[in-house]
Amino acid sequence: MIKTEEELDECVKFINGIKISELVGSSPVFSNADYLFNEYNVVAELKCLEEDKIKDHKIRDKASKIYEKYLNAGDVPVVVFGTVQISTEDFSEGFTKEIIELYRKPIRDVIKKANRQIRETKEHLRKEDAHGLLILVNDGHTALDPSHIMWILNETFNRDGFSSINSFLFITVNLKAEHPEINKDLLVWASGDRSPDNKCPSQLLTRLRTKWFKRVSELTGEPIDTIYPENQETIDEIKNIL
């Protein structure tokens, strides 16, 4: 099991990023983000999804009620709920979106907190014009395939604002993925921007990606196969390996 935060900290330092806690101490009077990339004027916050919400009884109870509604309407197949992923192609679009919305709310809270941390860090460091980057890692939330995470991110930003975050980076580390046309287990690296006029510096993302996957390869002792989905069709075809 790779210690995601610990290893990413080292990669950030390698490309001249700074742990903000090293600037403000361990008990600052504000909610601080994780990283500062002075060279690119970027403030970044790391969030890891480690709890597998598919095991959350409250969510499963609500999901069962949604399933029963669609089952009565004849819009979903008969299954033992909890034995399939919500990405099952036999499910209707309406059902899938309602289920994803259940999982969106906890992630929305994570994004909301990251937005506050980035905003307050910009204000404290007097870098209000800095680019805000959310680094979101799925490290064990098996219920959500990459397409669901990307939908949640875009939907949340469109619906709720959180304007201190300008871009996001979504990656998988300990949770492998698969693609029907690639005969290997994969790690996912996908990024997005709220506005085409305010993108996260591509050089920063490239340097971080190169160092990160080199480090993961060193830790695992094997070459790392990655996929960088560039369109919705590719994202939709990527599934978690359970």
Protein backbone atom coordinates (compact mmCIF):
# COMPACT_ATOMS: atom_id res chain seq x y z
CA MET A 1 0.00 0.00 0.00
CA ILE A 2 1.50 3.30 -1.11
CA LYS A 3 1.28 6.15 1.43
CA THR A 4 -0.13 8.66 -1.01
CA GLU A 5 0.26 11.90 0.93
CA GLU A 6 3.75 11.08 2.18
CA GLU A 7 5.02 10.15 -1.27
CA LEU A 8 3.34 13.05 -3.02
CA ASP A 9 4.96 15.42 -0.52
CA GLU A 10 8.37 14.19 -1.67
CA CYS A 11 7.47 14.58 -5.34
CA VAL A 12 6.27 18.12 -4.74
CA LYS A 13 9.54 19.01 -3.05
CA PHE A 14 11.51 17.46 -5.93
CA ILE A 15 9.93 19.90 -8.41
CA ASN A 16 10.52 22.86 -6.05
CA GLY A 17 7.08 22.94 -4.51
CA ILE A 18 6.71 23.85 -0.83
CA LYS A 19 4.66 22.31 1.94
CA ILE A 20 2.63 25.24 3.22
CA SER A 21 2.84 23.88 6.77
CA GLU A 22 6.58 24.58 6.56
CA LEU A 23 5.74 28.25 5.95
CA VAL A 24 2.97 28.74 8.50
CA GLY A 25 3.69 26.09 11.13
CA SER A 26 1.62 23.13 12.27
CA SER A 27 -1.08 25.20 14.01
CA PRO A 28 -1.90 28.20 11.82
CA VAL A 29 -4.81 30.53 12.64
CA PHE A 30 -6.40 29.78 9.26
CA SER A 31 -7.33 26.69 7.25
CA ASN A 32 -4.24 26.09 5.15
CA ALA A 33 -3.87 24.26 1.85
CA ASP A 34 -1.08 21.72 1.30
CA TYR A 35 1.27 23.02 -1.38
CA LEU A 36 2.65 26.21 -2.89
CA PHE A 37 4.30 26.20 -6.30
CA ASN A 38 5.89 29.66 -6.40
CA GLU A 39 7.34 29.16 -9.86
CA TYR A 40 3.84 28.71 -11.30
CA ASN A 41 1.88 30.83 -8.79
CA VAL A 42 -0.27 27.84 -7.81
CA VAL A 43 -1.74 26.92 -4.44
CA ALA A 44 -2.84 23.27 -4.24
CA GLU A 45 -4.81 21.15 -1.80
CA LEU A 46 -4.63 17.35 -1.66
CA LYS A 47 -7.72 15.33 -0.78
CA CYS A 48 -7.83 11.52 -0.66
CA LEU A 49 -11.01 9.45 -0.89
CA GLU A 50 -10.10 6.50 1.30
CA GLU A 51 -13.43 5.45 2.81
CA ASP A 52 -15.43 3.09 0.60
CA LYS A 53 -18.89 4.64 0.80
CA ILE A 54 -20.43 1.60 -0.86
CA LYS A 55 -20.30 0.10 2.65
CA ASP A 56 -22.06 3.09 4.23
CA HIS A 57 -25.40 1.77 5.54
CA LYS A 58 -27.15 5.16 5.28
CA ILE A 59 -26.18 5.51 1.63
CA ARG A 60 -27.12 1.91 0.88
CA ASP A 61 -30.55 2.36 2.49
CA LYS A 62 -31.21 5.47 0.41
CA ALA A 63 -29.88 3.72 -2.70
CA SER A 64 -32.20 0.78 -2.08
CA LYS A 65 -35.20 3.11 -2.03
CA ILE A 66 -34.12 4.69 -5.31
CA TYR A 67 -33.63 1.23 -6.80
CA GLU A 68 -37.09 0.14 -5.65
CA LYS A 69 -38.62 3.21 -7.30
CA TYR A 70 -36.98 2.48 -10.64
CA LEU A 71 -37.65 -1.25 -10.34
CA ASN A 72 -41.36 -0.60 -9.90
CA ALA A 73 -41.23 1.59 -12.99
CA GLY A 74 -39.50 -1.19 -14.94
CA ASP A 75 -36.40 0.90 -15.61
CA VAL A 76 -33.77 -1.32 -13.95
CA PRO A 77 -33.00 -5.05 -13.96
CA VAL A 78 -33.69 -7.27 -10.97
CA VAL A 79 -30.45 -7.57 -8.94
CA VAL A 80 -29.39 -8.11 -5.35
CA PHE A 81 -28.48 -4.54 -4.52
CA GLY A 82 -24.89 -4.10 -3.44
CA THR A 83 -23.59 -6.91 -5.65
CA VAL A 84 -23.03 -4.73 -8.71
CA GLN A 85 -21.27 -1.46 -9.39
CA ILE A 86 -23.39 1.55 -10.19
CA SER A 87 -21.63 1.69 -13.55
CA THR A 88 -23.55 -1.40 -14.73
CA GLU A 89 -24.66 -0.62 -18.26
CA ASP A 90 -28.12 -2.15 -17.77
CA PHE A 91 -29.11 0.63 -15.39
CA SER A 92 -31.03 3.61 -16.76
CA GLU A 93 -29.38 7.04 -16.92
CA GLY A 94 -31.87 8.46 -14.45
CA PHE A 95 -31.20 5.75 -11.89
CA THR A 96 -27.43 6.07 -12.23
CA LYS A 97 -27.52 9.85 -11.77
CA GLU A 98 -29.66 9.60 -8.66
CA ILE A 99 -27.28 7.05 -7.16
CA ILE A 100 -24.24 9.14 -8.03
CA GLU A 101 -25.90 12.14 -6.38
CA LEU A 102 -25.90 10.20 -3.10
CA TYR A 103 -22.14 9.85 -3.39
CA ARG A 104 -21.69 13.42 -4.64
CA LYS A 105 -22.77 15.01 -1.38
CA PRO A 106 -19.87 13.69 0.77
CA ILE A 107 -17.40 14.59 -1.99
CA ARG A 108 -19.00 18.02 -2.28
CA ASP A 109 -18.14 18.53 1.40
CA VAL A 110 -14.53 17.58 0.65
CA ILE A 111 -14.41 20.06 -2.25
CA LYS A 112 -16.01 22.77 -0.11
CA LYS A 113 -13.34 22.35 2.54
CA ALA A 114 -10.56 22.38 -0.07
CA ASN A 115 -12.00 25.58 -1.55
CA ARG A 116 -11.88 27.28 1.86
CA GLN A 117 -8.33 26.08 2.50
CA ILE A 118 -7.11 27.37 -0.85
CA ARG A 119 -8.93 30.70 -0.42
CA GLU A 120 -7.62 31.33 3.09
CA THR A 121 -4.09 30.32 2.09
CA LYS A 122 -4.13 32.75 -0.83
CA GLU A 123 -5.29 35.52 1.50
CA HIS A 124 -2.71 34.71 4.20
CA LEU A 125 0.18 34.52 1.75
CA ARG A 126 -1.10 37.59 -0.10
CA LYS A 127 -1.36 35.62 -3.30
CA GLU A 128 -4.98 36.32 -4.14
CA ASP A 129 -4.18 36.01 -7.85
CA ALA A 130 -2.68 32.51 -7.45
CA HIS A 131 -4.20 29.60 -9.35
CA GLY A 132 -6.11 27.19 -7.10
CA LEU A 133 -5.59 23.48 -7.79
CA LEU A 134 -7.48 20.59 -6.18
CA ILE A 135 -5.63 17.26 -6.26
CA LEU A 136 -8.24 14.55 -5.68
CA VAL A 137 -7.09 10.95 -5.20
CA ASN A 138 -9.44 7.98 -5.25
CA ASP A 139 -7.61 5.64 -2.91
CA GLY A 140 -10.36 3.17 -2.11
CA HIS A 141 -13.82 4.47 -3.01
CA THR A 142 -14.70 1.50 -5.22
CA ALA A 143 -18.31 2.52 -5.87
CA LEU A 144 -17.23 5.38 -8.12
CA ASP A 145 -15.52 4.74 -11.45
CA PRO A 146 -13.42 7.56 -12.94
CA SER A 147 -16.37 8.75 -15.07
CA HIS A 148 -18.45 9.21 -11.91
CA ILE A 149 -15.68 11.17 -10.18
CA MET A 150 -15.28 13.44 -13.19
CA TRP A 151 -19.06 13.97 -13.37
CA ILE A 152 -19.17 14.82 -9.67
CA LEU A 153 -16.32 17.32 -10.00
CA ASN A 154 -17.81 19.10 -12.99
CA GLU A 155 -21.35 19.03 -11.57
CA THR A 156 -20.22 20.39 -8.22
CA PHE A 157 -18.25 23.26 -9.72
CA ASN A 158 -21.10 24.14 -12.07
CA ARG A 159 -23.71 23.95 -9.34
CA ASP A 160 -21.93 25.22 -6.24
CA GLY A 161 -19.23 27.54 -7.50
CA PHE A 162 -16.25 27.11 -5.14
CA SER A 163 -14.42 29.68 -7.23
CA SER A 164 -11.11 29.53 -5.33
CA ILE A 165 -10.49 26.22 -7.10
CA ASN A 166 -9.59 26.94 -10.73
CA SER A 167 -8.50 23.46 -11.79
CA PHE A 168 -8.56 19.89 -10.58
CA LEU A 169 -6.31 16.87 -10.93
CA PHE A 170 -7.87 13.45 -10.43
CA ILE A 171 -5.63 10.41 -9.95
CA THR A 172 -5.74 6.84 -8.67
CA VAL A 173 -2.91 5.30 -6.67
CA ASN A 174 -3.80 2.15 -4.73
CA LEU A 175 -7.02 1.57 -6.66
CA LYS A 176 -6.23 0.15 -10.10
CA ALA A 177 -8.41 0.56 -13.19
CA GLU A 178 -8.93 -1.22 -16.49
CA HIS A 179 -9.83 -0.29 -20.06
CA PRO A 180 -11.34 -2.79 -22.54
CA GLU A 181 -8.71 -2.05 -25.18
CA ILE A 182 -5.69 -2.21 -22.85
CA ASN A 183 -4.60 -5.57 -21.48
CA LYS A 184 -2.97 -4.16 -18.35
CA ASP A 185 -3.98 -2.75 -14.97
CA LEU A 186 -3.88 1.02 -15.06
CA LEU A 187 -3.54 4.11 -12.92
CA VAL A 188 -5.61 7.13 -13.92
CA TRP A 189 -4.39 10.72 -14.29
CA ALA A 190 -7.01 13.21 -15.48
CA SER A 191 -7.17 16.98 -15.17
CA GLY A 192 -9.71 19.67 -15.85
CA ASP A 193 -10.13 23.44 -15.70
CA ARG A 194 -13.12 25.57 -14.79
CA SER A 195 -12.29 28.01 -17.58
CA PRO A 196 -10.29 27.62 -20.81
CA ASP A 197 -8.90 31.09 -20.14
CA ASN A 198 -7.44 30.15 -16.76
CA LYS A 199 -5.79 26.75 -17.00
CA CYS A 200 -3.36 25.19 -14.57
CA PRO A 201 0.16 25.53 -16.02
CA SER A 202 0.73 22.45 -18.16
CA GLN A 203 4.44 22.36 -17.33
CA LEU A 204 3.64 21.99 -13.64
CA LEU A 205 1.26 19.09 -14.26
CA THR A 206 3.74 17.39 -16.60
CA ARG A 207 6.63 17.68 -14.15
CA LEU A 208 4.51 16.43 -11.27
CA ARG A 209 3.13 13.53 -13.32
CA THR A 210 6.59 12.45 -14.50
CA LYS A 211 8.08 12.50 -11.01
CA TRP A 212 5.02 10.88 -9.44
CA PHE A 213 4.86 7.87 -11.72
CA LYS A 214 8.61 7.42 -11.54
CA ARG A 215 8.29 7.30 -7.76
CA VAL A 216 5.37 4.86 -7.87
CA SER A 217 7.39 2.61 -10.17
CA GLU A 218 10.30 2.69 -7.71
CA LEU A 219 8.00 1.78 -4.84
CA THR A 220 6.30 -1.10 -6.64
CA GLY A 221 9.38 -2.36 -8.45
CA GLU A 222 7.54 -2.50 -11.78
CA PRO A 223 6.78 -0.14 -14.66
CA ILE A 224 3.60 1.87 -14.25
CA ASP A 225 0.96 1.85 -16.94
CA THR A 226 -1.17 4.97 -16.96
CA ILE A 227 -4.07 6.33 -18.93
CA TYR A 228 -4.72 10.01 -19.55
CA PRO A 229 -8.34 10.22 -20.75
CA GLU A 230 -8.79 13.14 -23.12
CA ASN A 231 -12.49 12.75 -23.91
CA GLN A 232 -15.69 11.60 -22.25
CA GLU A 233 -15.88 8.39 -24.27
CA THR A 234 -12.50 7.21 -22.98
CA ILE A 235 -13.37 8.15 -19.41
CA ASP A 236 -16.65 6.22 -19.60
CA GLU A 237 -14.77 3.05 -20.61
CA ILE A 238 -12.43 3.07 -17.61
CA LYS A 239 -13.60 0.91 -14.69
CA ASN A 240 -12.23 0.24 -11.23
CA ILE A 241 -10.77 -3.18 -10.54
CA LEU A 242 -12.42 -4.57 -7.42
